[in-house]
PDB file of all heavy atoms in Angstrom:
ATOM      1  N   VAL A   1    -177.482 -60.817 -58.167  1.00  0.00           N
ATOM      2  CA  VAL A   1    -177.952 -59.519 -57.682  1.00  0.00           C
ATOM      3  C   VAL A   1    -177.588 -58.556 -58.810  1.00  0.00           C
ATOM      4  O   VAL A   1    -176.442 -58.400 -59.226  1.00  0.00           O
ATOM      5  CB  VAL A   1    -177.337 -59.154 -56.377  1.00  0.00           C
ATOM      6  CG1 VAL A   1    -177.836 -57.746 -55.927  1.00  0.00           C
ATOM      7  CG2 VAL A   1    -177.664 -60.146 -55.348  1.00  0.00           C
ATOM      8  N   LEU A   2    -178.611 -57.748 -59.257  1.00  0.00           N
ATOM      9  CA  LEU A   2    -178.369 -56.731 -60.343  1.00  0.00           C
ATOM     10  C   LEU A   2    -178.784 -55.415 -59.808  1.00  0.00           C
ATOM     11  O   LEU A   2    -180.002 -55.041 -59.934  1.00  0.00           O
ATOM     12  CB  LEU A   2    -179.167 -57.167 -61.546  1.00  0.00           C
ATOM     13  CG  LEU A   2    -178.874 -58.554 -62.204  1.00  0.00           C
ATOM     14  CD1 LEU A   2    -179.825 -58.843 -63.289  1.00  0.00           C
ATOM     15  CD2 LEU A   2    -177.439 -58.564 -62.688  1.00  0.00           C
ATOM     16  N   PRO A   3    -177.870 -54.607 -59.231  1.00  0.00           N
ATOM     17  CA  PRO A   3    -178.245 -53.314 -58.745  1.00  0.00           C
ATOM     18  C   PRO A   3    -178.516 -52.276 -59.841  1.00  0.00           C
ATOM     19  O   PRO A   3    -178.420 -52.661 -61.027  1.00  0.00           O
ATOM     20  CB  PRO A   3    -176.963 -52.907 -57.974  1.00  0.00           C
ATOM     21  CG  PRO A   3    -175.914 -53.568 -58.675  1.00  0.00           C
ATOM     22  CD  PRO A   3    -176.433 -54.887 -59.156  1.00  0.00           C
ATOM     23  N   GLU A   4    -178.916 -51.096 -59.505  1.00  0.00           N
ATOM     24  CA  GLU A   4    -179.079 -50.048 -60.550  1.00  0.00           C
ATOM     25  C   GLU A   4    -177.769 -49.746 -61.137  1.00  0.00           C
ATOM     26  O   GLU A   4    -176.665 -49.714 -60.574  1.00  0.00           O
ATOM     27  CB  GLU A   4    -179.680 -48.809 -59.888  1.00  0.00           C
ATOM     28  CG  GLU A   4    -181.125 -48.990 -59.488  1.00  0.00           C
ATOM     29  CD  GLU A   4    -182.025 -49.262 -60.636  1.00  0.00           C
ATOM     30  OE1 GLU A   4    -182.014 -48.558 -61.606  1.00  0.00           O
ATOM     31  OE2 GLU A   4    -182.875 -50.202 -60.465  1.00  0.00           O
ATOM     32  N   PRO A   5    -177.748 -49.391 -62.504  1.00  0.00           N
ATOM     33  CA  PRO A   5    -176.548 -49.024 -63.155  1.00  0.00           C
ATOM     34  C   PRO A   5    -175.960 -47.788 -62.546  1.00  0.00           C
ATOM     35  O   PRO A   5    -176.639 -46.910 -62.010  1.00  0.00           O
ATOM     36  CB  PRO A   5    -177.071 -48.654 -64.609  1.00  0.00           C
ATOM     37  CG  PRO A   5    -178.272 -49.460 -64.754  1.00  0.00           C
ATOM     38  CD  PRO A   5    -178.936 -49.450 -63.379  1.00  0.00           C
ATOM     39  N   ASN A   6    -174.631 -47.748 -62.564  1.00  0.00           N
ATOM     40  CA  ASN A   6    -173.883 -46.668 -62.004  1.00  0.00           C
ATOM     41  C   ASN A   6    -172.869 -46.096 -63.106  1.00  0.00           C
ATOM     42  O   ASN A   6    -171.706 -46.425 -63.102  1.00  0.00           O
ATOM     43  CB  ASN A   6    -173.079 -47.086 -60.784  1.00  0.00           C
ATOM     44  CG  ASN A   6    -172.321 -45.934 -60.164  1.00  0.00           C
ATOM     45  OD1 ASN A   6    -172.653 -44.787 -60.408  1.00  0.00           O
ATOM     46  ND2 ASN A   6    -171.340 -46.246 -59.360  1.00  0.00           N
ATOM     47  N   ARG A   7    -173.494 -45.325 -63.984  1.00  0.00           N
ATOM     48  CA  ARG A   7    -172.657 -44.780 -65.158  1.00  0.00           C
ATOM     49  C   ARG A   7    -171.947 -43.535 -64.712  1.00  0.00           C
ATOM     50  O   ARG A   7    -172.586 -42.600 -64.158  1.00  0.00           O
ATOM     51  CB  ARG A   7    -173.647 -44.490 -66.322  1.00  0.00           C
ATOM     52  CG  ARG A   7    -172.846 -44.207 -67.559  1.00  0.00           C
ATOM     53  CD  ARG A   7    -173.791 -43.973 -68.715  1.00  0.00           C
ATOM     54  NE  ARG A   7    -173.064 -43.736 -69.954  1.00  0.00           N
ATOM     55  CZ  ARG A   7    -173.697 -43.305 -71.077  1.00  0.00           C
ATOM     56  NH1 ARG A   7    -174.953 -43.132 -71.156  1.00  0.00           N
ATOM     57  NH2 ARG A   7    -172.941 -43.107 -72.201  1.00  0.00           N
ATOM     58  N   THR A   8    -170.626 -43.511 -64.881  1.00  0.00           N
ATOM     59  CA  THR A   8    -169.829 -42.376 -64.475  1.00  0.00           C
ATOM     60  C   THR A   8    -169.260 -41.640 -65.733  1.00  0.00           C
ATOM     61  O   THR A   8    -169.298 -42.211 -66.829  1.00  0.00           O
ATOM     62  CB  THR A   8    -168.644 -42.804 -63.648  1.00  0.00           C
ATOM     63  OG1 THR A   8    -167.930 -43.852 -64.283  1.00  0.00           O
ATOM     64  CG2 THR A   8    -169.165 -43.392 -62.302  1.00  0.00           C
ATOM     65  N   LEU A   9    -168.823 -40.426 -65.523  1.00  0.00           N
ATOM     66  CA  LEU A   9    -168.266 -39.608 -66.604  1.00  0.00           C
ATOM     67  C   LEU A   9    -167.105 -40.387 -67.223  1.00  0.00           C
ATOM     68  O   LEU A   9    -166.945 -40.406 -68.465  1.00  0.00           O
ATOM     69  CB  LEU A   9    -167.877 -38.282 -66.095  1.00  0.00           C
ATOM     70  CG  LEU A   9    -167.178 -37.377 -67.183  1.00  0.00           C
ATOM     71  CD1 LEU A   9    -168.212 -37.025 -68.247  1.00  0.00           C
ATOM     72  CD2 LEU A   9    -166.699 -36.069 -66.519  1.00  0.00           C
ATOM     73  N   VAL A  10    -166.264 -40.908 -66.416  1.00  0.00           N
ATOM     74  CA  VAL A  10    -165.054 -41.656 -66.889  1.00  0.00           C
ATOM     75  C   VAL A  10    -165.263 -43.119 -66.367  1.00  0.00           C
ATOM     76  O   VAL A  10    -165.363 -43.330 -65.146  1.00  0.00           O
ATOM     77  CB  VAL A  10    -163.722 -41.020 -66.394  1.00  0.00           C
ATOM     78  CG1 VAL A  10    -162.515 -41.887 -66.930  1.00  0.00           C
ATOM     79  CG2 VAL A  10    -163.646 -39.602 -66.947  1.00  0.00           C
ATOM     80  N   PRO A  11    -165.180 -44.114 -67.199  1.00  0.00           N
ATOM     81  CA  PRO A  11    -165.362 -45.470 -66.678  1.00  0.00           C
ATOM     82  C   PRO A  11    -164.150 -45.870 -65.814  1.00  0.00           C
ATOM     83  O   PRO A  11    -163.000 -45.420 -65.971  1.00  0.00           O
ATOM     84  CB  PRO A  11    -165.420 -46.277 -68.037  1.00  0.00           C
ATOM     85  CG  PRO A  11    -164.706 -45.525 -69.041  1.00  0.00           C
ATOM     86  CD  PRO A  11    -164.957 -44.039 -68.622  1.00  0.00           C
ATOM     87  N   THR A  12    -164.447 -46.788 -64.891  1.00  0.00           N
ATOM     88  CA  THR A  12    -163.391 -47.403 -64.112  1.00  0.00           C
ATOM     89  C   THR A  12    -162.414 -48.165 -64.986  1.00  0.00           C
ATOM     90  O   THR A  12    -162.784 -48.984 -65.695  1.00  0.00           O
ATOM     91  CB  THR A  12    -164.003 -48.303 -63.065  1.00  0.00           C
ATOM     92  OG1 THR A  12    -164.901 -47.551 -62.187  1.00  0.00           O
ATOM     93  CG2 THR A  12    -162.960 -49.035 -62.170  1.00  0.00           C
ATOM     94  N   VAL A  13    -161.109 -47.825 -64.786  1.00  0.00           N
ATOM     95  CA  VAL A  13    -160.047 -48.669 -65.439  1.00  0.00           C
ATOM     96  C   VAL A  13    -159.171 -49.152 -64.374  1.00  0.00           C
ATOM     97  O   VAL A  13    -158.447 -48.370 -63.714  1.00  0.00           O
ATOM     98  CB  VAL A  13    -159.265 -47.846 -66.462  1.00  0.00           C
ATOM     99  CG1 VAL A  13    -158.148 -48.637 -67.063  1.00  0.00           C
ATOM    100  CG2 VAL A  13    -160.174 -47.222 -67.490  1.00  0.00           C
ATOM    101  N   ASN A  14    -159.177 -50.442 -64.120  1.00  0.00           N
ATOM    102  CA  ASN A  14    -158.428 -51.072 -63.007  1.00  0.00           C
ATOM    103  C   ASN A  14    -157.868 -52.344 -63.440  1.00  0.00           C
ATOM    104  O   ASN A  14    -158.261 -53.435 -63.098  1.00  0.00           O
ATOM    105  CB  ASN A  14    -159.327 -51.225 -61.819  1.00  0.00           C
ATOM    106  CG  ASN A  14    -158.614 -51.698 -60.618  1.00  0.00           C
ATOM    107  OD1 ASN A  14    -157.392 -51.344 -60.384  1.00  0.00           O
ATOM    108  ND2 ASN A  14    -159.270 -52.482 -59.741  1.00  0.00           N
ATOM    109  N   ILE A  15    -156.781 -52.274 -64.311  1.00  0.00           N
ATOM    110  CA  ILE A  15    -156.192 -53.520 -64.919  1.00  0.00           C
ATOM    111  C   ILE A  15    -155.057 -53.917 -64.071  1.00  0.00           C
ATOM    112  O   ILE A  15    -154.312 -53.159 -63.437  1.00  0.00           O
ATOM    113  CB  ILE A  15    -155.694 -53.205 -66.362  1.00  0.00           C
ATOM    114  CG1 ILE A  15    -156.873 -52.891 -67.235  1.00  0.00           C
ATOM    115  CG2 ILE A  15    -154.884 -54.316 -66.919  1.00  0.00           C
ATOM    116  CD1 ILE A  15    -156.422 -52.224 -68.566  1.00  0.00           C
ATOM    117  N   ALA A  16    -154.849 -55.264 -63.950  1.00  0.00           N
ATOM    118  CA  ALA A  16    -153.645 -55.783 -63.386  1.00  0.00           C
ATOM    119  C   ALA A  16    -152.572 -55.802 -64.358  1.00  0.00           C
ATOM    120  O   ALA A  16    -152.666 -56.485 -65.357  1.00  0.00           O
ATOM    121  CB  ALA A  16    -153.930 -57.215 -62.863  1.00  0.00           C
ATOM    122  N   PRO A  17    -151.540 -54.897 -64.236  1.00  0.00           N
ATOM    123  CA  PRO A  17    -150.463 -54.855 -65.329  1.00  0.00           C
ATOM    124  C   PRO A  17    -149.805 -56.187 -65.528  1.00  0.00           C
ATOM    125  O   PRO A  17    -149.455 -56.967 -64.650  1.00  0.00           O
ATOM    126  CB  PRO A  17    -149.408 -53.843 -64.690  1.00  0.00           C
ATOM    127  CG  PRO A  17    -150.268 -53.046 -63.696  1.00  0.00           C
ATOM    128  CD  PRO A  17    -151.243 -53.948 -63.180  1.00  0.00           C
ATOM    129  N   ALA A  18    -149.674 -56.569 -66.816  1.00  0.00           N
ATOM    130  CA  ALA A  18    -149.105 -57.837 -67.215  1.00  0.00           C
ATOM    131  C   ALA A  18    -147.624 -57.887 -66.956  1.00  0.00           C
ATOM    132  O   ALA A  18    -146.881 -57.078 -67.510  1.00  0.00           O
ATOM    133  CB  ALA A  18    -149.400 -58.108 -68.663  1.00  0.00           C
ATOM    134  N   LYS A  19    -147.142 -58.838 -66.190  1.00  0.00           N
ATOM    135  CA  LYS A  19    -145.748 -59.003 -65.833  1.00  0.00           C
ATOM    136  C   LYS A  19    -145.150 -60.301 -66.249  1.00  0.00           C
ATOM    137  O   LYS A  19    -143.968 -60.441 -66.514  1.00  0.00           O
ATOM    138  CB  LYS A  19    -145.529 -58.753 -64.357  1.00  0.00           C
ATOM    139  CG  LYS A  19    -146.010 -57.382 -63.779  1.00  0.00           C
ATOM    140  CD  LYS A  19    -145.172 -56.304 -64.406  1.00  0.00           C
ATOM    141  CE  LYS A  19    -145.581 -54.897 -63.822  1.00  0.00           C
ATOM    142  NZ  LYS A  19    -144.715 -53.811 -64.452  1.00  0.00           N
ATOM    143  N   GLY A  20    -145.944 -61.417 -66.192  1.00  0.00           N
ATOM    144  CA  GLY A  20    -145.393 -62.738 -66.422  1.00  0.00           C
ATOM    145  C   GLY A  20    -144.894 -63.396 -65.147  1.00  0.00           C
ATOM    146  O   GLY A  20    -144.719 -62.798 -64.044  1.00  0.00           O
ATOM    147  N   TRP A  21    -144.684 -64.722 -65.143  1.00  0.00           N
ATOM    148  CA  TRP A  21    -144.265 -65.530 -64.013  1.00  0.00           C
ATOM    149  C   TRP A  21    -142.790 -65.375 -63.725  1.00  0.00           C
ATOM    150  O   TRP A  21    -141.966 -65.770 -64.592  1.00  0.00           O
ATOM    151  CB  TRP A  21    -144.677 -66.941 -64.204  1.00  0.00           C
ATOM    152  CG  TRP A  21    -146.164 -67.098 -64.330  1.00  0.00           C
ATOM    153  CD1 TRP A  21    -146.861 -67.226 -65.524  1.00  0.00           C
ATOM    154  CD2 TRP A  21    -147.096 -67.279 -63.275  1.00  0.00           C
ATOM    155  NE1 TRP A  21    -148.180 -67.385 -65.252  1.00  0.00           N
ATOM    156  CE2 TRP A  21    -148.423 -67.410 -63.881  1.00  0.00           C
ATOM    157  CE3 TRP A  21    -146.953 -67.212 -61.873  1.00  0.00           C
ATOM    158  CZ2 TRP A  21    -149.557 -67.530 -63.068  1.00  0.00           C
ATOM    159  CZ3 TRP A  21    -148.167 -67.391 -61.156  1.00  0.00           C
ATOM    160  CH2 TRP A  21    -149.410 -67.488 -61.744  1.00  0.00           C
ATOM    161  N   PRO A  22    -142.398 -65.067 -62.496  1.00  0.00           N
ATOM    162  CA  PRO A  22    -140.924 -65.189 -62.152  1.00  0.00           C
ATOM    163  C   PRO A  22    -140.508 -66.681 -62.134  1.00  0.00           C
ATOM    164  O   PRO A  22    -141.447 -67.575 -61.922  1.00  0.00           O
ATOM    165  CB  PRO A  22    -140.896 -64.584 -60.684  1.00  0.00           C
ATOM    166  CG  PRO A  22    -142.191 -63.741 -60.585  1.00  0.00           C
ATOM    167  CD  PRO A  22    -143.135 -64.464 -61.508  1.00  0.00           C
ATOM    168  N   ASP A  23    -139.332 -66.993 -62.207  1.00  0.00           N
ATOM    169  CA  ASP A  23    -138.801 -68.392 -62.108  1.00  0.00           C
ATOM    170  C   ASP A  23    -139.301 -69.025 -60.854  1.00  0.00           C
ATOM    171  O   ASP A  23    -139.154 -68.450 -59.753  1.00  0.00           O
ATOM    172  CB  ASP A  23    -137.297 -68.423 -62.306  1.00  0.00           C
ATOM    173  CG  ASP A  23    -136.791 -68.011 -63.631  1.00  0.00           C
ATOM    174  OD1 ASP A  23    -137.599 -68.033 -64.534  1.00  0.00           O
ATOM    175  OD2 ASP A  23    -135.628 -67.745 -63.720  1.00  0.00           O
ATOM    176  N   GLY A  24    -139.829 -70.251 -61.000  1.00  0.00           N
ATOM    177  CA  GLY A  24    -140.212 -70.979 -59.793  1.00  0.00           C
ATOM    178  C   GLY A  24    -141.559 -70.646 -59.269  1.00  0.00           C
ATOM    179  O   GLY A  24    -141.987 -71.204 -58.222  1.00  0.00           O
ATOM    180  N   VAL A  25    -142.296 -69.669 -59.834  1.00  0.00           N
ATOM    181  CA  VAL A  25    -143.590 -69.269 -59.348  1.00  0.00           C
ATOM    182  C   VAL A  25    -144.628 -69.870 -60.291  1.00  0.00           C
ATOM    183  O   VAL A  25    -144.545 -69.885 -61.477  1.00  0.00           O
ATOM    184  CB  VAL A  25    -143.719 -67.731 -59.202  1.00  0.00           C
ATOM    185  CG1 VAL A  25    -145.012 -67.339 -58.685  1.00  0.00           C
ATOM    186  CG2 VAL A  25    -142.600 -67.253 -58.360  1.00  0.00           C
ATOM    187  N   LYS A  26    -145.796 -70.288 -59.720  1.00  0.00           N
ATOM    188  CA  LYS A  26    -146.930 -70.851 -60.533  1.00  0.00           C
ATOM    189  C   LYS A  26    -148.141 -70.517 -59.831  1.00  0.00           C
ATOM    190  O   LYS A  26    -148.179 -70.104 -58.662  1.00  0.00           O
ATOM    191  CB  LYS A  26    -146.648 -72.323 -60.689  1.00  0.00           C
ATOM    192  CG  LYS A  26    -146.682 -73.148 -59.430  1.00  0.00           C
ATOM    193  CD  LYS A  26    -146.348 -74.622 -59.675  1.00  0.00           C
ATOM    194  CE  LYS A  26    -146.293 -75.399 -58.428  1.00  0.00           C
ATOM    195  NZ  LYS A  26    -145.976 -76.835 -58.664  1.00  0.00           N
ATOM    196  N   PRO A  27    -149.284 -70.783 -60.493  1.00  0.00           N
ATOM    197  CA  PRO A  27    -150.651 -70.516 -59.808  1.00  0.00           C
ATOM    198  C   PRO A  27    -150.818 -71.348 -58.619  1.00  0.00           C
ATOM    199  O   PRO A  27    -150.152 -72.400 -58.440  1.00  0.00           O
ATOM    200  CB  PRO A  27    -151.616 -70.869 -60.943  1.00  0.00           C
ATOM    201  CG  PRO A  27    -150.895 -70.860 -62.257  1.00  0.00           C
ATOM    202  CD  PRO A  27    -149.460 -71.237 -61.888  1.00  0.00           C
ATOM    203  N   HIS A  28    -151.819 -70.922 -57.821  1.00  0.00           N
ATOM    204  CA  HIS A  28    -152.200 -71.730 -56.625  1.00  0.00           C
ATOM    205  C   HIS A  28    -153.298 -72.713 -56.973  1.00  0.00           C
ATOM    206  O   HIS A  28    -154.368 -72.305 -57.457  1.00  0.00           O
ATOM    207  CB  HIS A  28    -152.614 -70.789 -55.519  1.00  0.00           C
ATOM    208  CG  HIS A  28    -151.700 -69.779 -55.126  1.00  0.00           C
ATOM    209  ND1 HIS A  28    -150.308 -70.044 -54.944  1.00  0.00           N
ATOM    210  CD2 HIS A  28    -151.823 -68.402 -54.912  1.00  0.00           C
ATOM    211  CE1 HIS A  28    -149.725 -68.931 -54.639  1.00  0.00           C
ATOM    212  NE2 HIS A  28    -150.559 -67.887 -54.665  1.00  0.00           N
ATOM    213  N   ALA A  29    -153.109 -74.081 -56.773  1.00  0.00           N
ATOM    214  CA  ALA A  29    -154.089 -74.961 -57.018  1.00  0.00           C
ATOM    215  C   ALA A  29    -154.997 -75.226 -55.784  1.00  0.00           C
ATOM    216  O   ALA A  29    -154.510 -75.153 -54.672  1.00  0.00           O
ATOM    217  CB  ALA A  29    -153.518 -76.240 -57.526  1.00  0.00           C
ATOM    218  N   ALA A  30    -156.294 -75.417 -56.005  1.00  0.00           N
ATOM    219  CA  ALA A  30    -157.186 -75.750 -54.850  1.00  0.00           C
ATOM    220  C   ALA A  30    -156.769 -76.967 -54.097  1.00  0.00           C
ATOM    221  O   ALA A  30    -156.085 -77.859 -54.690  1.00  0.00           O
ATOM    222  CB  ALA A  30    -158.573 -75.814 -55.394  1.00  0.00           C
ATOM    223  N   PRO A  31    -157.137 -77.096 -52.894  1.00  0.00           N
ATOM    224  CA  PRO A  31    -156.855 -78.309 -52.192  1.00  0.00           C
ATOM    225  C   PRO A  31    -157.321 -79.534 -52.935  1.00  0.00           C
ATOM    226  O   PRO A  31    -158.425 -79.594 -53.505  1.00  0.00           O
ATOM    227  CB  PRO A  31    -157.656 -78.162 -50.838  1.00  0.00           C
ATOM    228  CG  PRO A  31    -157.721 -76.725 -50.677  1.00  0.00           C
ATOM    229  CD  PRO A  31    -157.866 -76.149 -52.033  1.00  0.00           C
ATOM    230  N   GLY A  32    -156.458 -80.541 -52.976  1.00  0.00           N
ATOM    231  CA  GLY A  32    -156.749 -81.761 -53.743  1.00  0.00           C
ATOM    232  C   GLY A  32    -156.211 -81.737 -55.188  1.00  0.00           C
ATOM    233  O   GLY A  32    -156.266 -82.737 -55.875  1.00  0.00           O
ATOM    234  N   PHE A  33    -155.701 -80.616 -55.577  1.00  0.00           N
ATOM    235  CA  PHE A  33    -155.145 -80.484 -56.999  1.00  0.00           C
ATOM    236  C   PHE A  33    -153.664 -80.070 -56.909  1.00  0.00           C
ATOM    237  O   PHE A  33    -153.175 -79.428 -56.018  1.00  0.00           O
ATOM    238  CB  PHE A  33    -155.930 -79.328 -57.724  1.00  0.00           C
ATOM    239  CG  PHE A  33    -157.358 -79.828 -58.090  1.00  0.00           C
ATOM    240  CD1 PHE A  33    -158.390 -79.407 -57.285  1.00  0.00           C
ATOM    241  CD2 PHE A  33    -157.551 -80.637 -59.236  1.00  0.00           C
ATOM    242  CE1 PHE A  33    -159.673 -79.746 -57.608  1.00  0.00           C
ATOM    243  CE2 PHE A  33    -158.854 -80.936 -59.533  1.00  0.00           C
ATOM    244  CZ  PHE A  33    -159.917 -80.538 -58.729  1.00  0.00           C
ATOM    245  N   HIS A  34    -153.039 -80.387 -58.058  1.00  0.00           N
ATOM    246  CA  HIS A  34    -151.602 -79.996 -58.324  1.00  0.00           C
ATOM    247  C   HIS A  34    -151.569 -79.397 -59.678  1.00  0.00           C
ATOM    248  O   HIS A  34    -152.191 -79.822 -60.623  1.00  0.00           O
ATOM    249  CB  HIS A  34    -150.727 -81.275 -58.202  1.00  0.00           C
ATOM    250  CG  HIS A  34    -149.303 -80.999 -58.460  1.00  0.00           C
ATOM    251  ND1 HIS A  34    -148.421 -80.398 -57.541  1.00  0.00           N
ATOM    252  CD2 HIS A  34    -148.552 -81.244 -59.565  1.00  0.00           C
ATOM    253  CE1 HIS A  34    -147.250 -80.340 -58.098  1.00  0.00           C
ATOM    254  NE2 HIS A  34    -147.270 -80.850 -59.318  1.00  0.00           N
ATOM    255  N   VAL A  35    -150.602 -78.338 -59.812  1.00  0.00           N
ATOM    256  CA  VAL A  35    -150.489 -77.753 -61.132  1.00  0.00           C
ATOM    257  C   VAL A  35    -148.983 -77.589 -61.514  1.00  0.00           C
ATOM    258  O   VAL A  35    -148.151 -77.341 -60.600  1.00  0.00           O
ATOM    259  CB  VAL A  35    -151.114 -76.310 -61.123  1.00  0.00           C
ATOM    260  CG1 VAL A  35    -150.534 -75.367 -60.056  1.00  0.00           C
ATOM    261  CG2 VAL A  35    -151.052 -75.664 -62.495  1.00  0.00           C
ATOM    262  N   GLU A  36    -148.711 -77.897 -62.710  1.00  0.00           N
ATOM    263  CA  GLU A  36    -147.394 -77.743 -63.277  1.00  0.00           C
ATOM    264  C   GLU A  36    -147.524 -77.181 -64.681  1.00  0.00           C
ATOM    265  O   GLU A  36    -148.540 -77.347 -65.334  1.00  0.00           O
ATOM    266  CB  GLU A  36    -146.650 -79.106 -63.375  1.00  0.00           C
ATOM    267  CG  GLU A  36    -146.264 -79.709 -61.944  1.00  0.00           C
ATOM    268  CD  GLU A  36    -145.105 -78.912 -61.324  1.00  0.00           C
ATOM    269  OE1 GLU A  36    -144.478 -78.097 -61.906  1.00  0.00           O
ATOM    270  OE2 GLU A  36    -144.938 -79.103 -60.098  1.00  0.00           O
ATOM    271  N   ALA A  37    -146.427 -76.585 -65.203  1.00  0.00           N
ATOM    272  CA  ALA A  37    -146.404 -76.120 -66.546  1.00  0.00           C
ATOM    273  C   ALA A  37    -146.270 -77.336 -67.501  1.00  0.00           C
ATOM    274  O   ALA A  37    -145.468 -78.229 -67.369  1.00  0.00           O
ATOM    275  CB  ALA A  37    -145.183 -75.185 -66.782  1.00  0.00           C
ATOM    276  N   PHE A  38    -147.221 -77.422 -68.496  1.00  0.00           N
ATOM    277  CA  PHE A  38    -147.194 -78.387 -69.528  1.00  0.00           C
ATOM    278  C   PHE A  38    -146.304 -77.964 -70.669  1.00  0.00           C
ATOM    279  O   PHE A  38    -145.537 -78.749 -71.285  1.00  0.00           O
ATOM    280  CB  PHE A  38    -148.651 -78.684 -70.003  1.00  0.00           C
ATOM    281  CG  PHE A  38    -148.739 -79.726 -71.030  1.00  0.00           C
ATOM    282  CD1 PHE A  38    -148.508 -80.993 -70.786  1.00  0.00           C
ATOM    283  CD2 PHE A  38    -149.143 -79.364 -72.302  1.00  0.00           C
ATOM    284  CE1 PHE A  38    -148.610 -82.013 -71.756  1.00  0.00           C
ATOM    285  CE2 PHE A  38    -149.276 -80.374 -73.318  1.00  0.00           C
ATOM    286  CZ  PHE A  38    -149.012 -81.697 -73.022  1.00  0.00           C
ATOM    287  N   ALA A  39    -146.329 -76.661 -70.967  1.00  0.00           N
ATOM    288  CA  ALA A  39    -145.489 -76.063 -71.979  1.00  0.00           C
ATOM    289  C   ALA A  39    -145.322 -74.597 -71.641  1.00  0.00           C
ATOM    290  O   ALA A  39    -146.274 -73.909 -71.256  1.00  0.00           O
ATOM    291  CB  ALA A  39    -146.032 -76.221 -73.375  1.00  0.00           C
TER     292      ALA A  39
END
């Protein structure tokens, strides 16, 4: 779906501030998958 452009005076800036992973925390893998740090 491609709506009409919505150009504003100031562009939207909505960044997730970079923090890094706390100890013991990792991404969520989809059902059927497992994730671990390789390096």
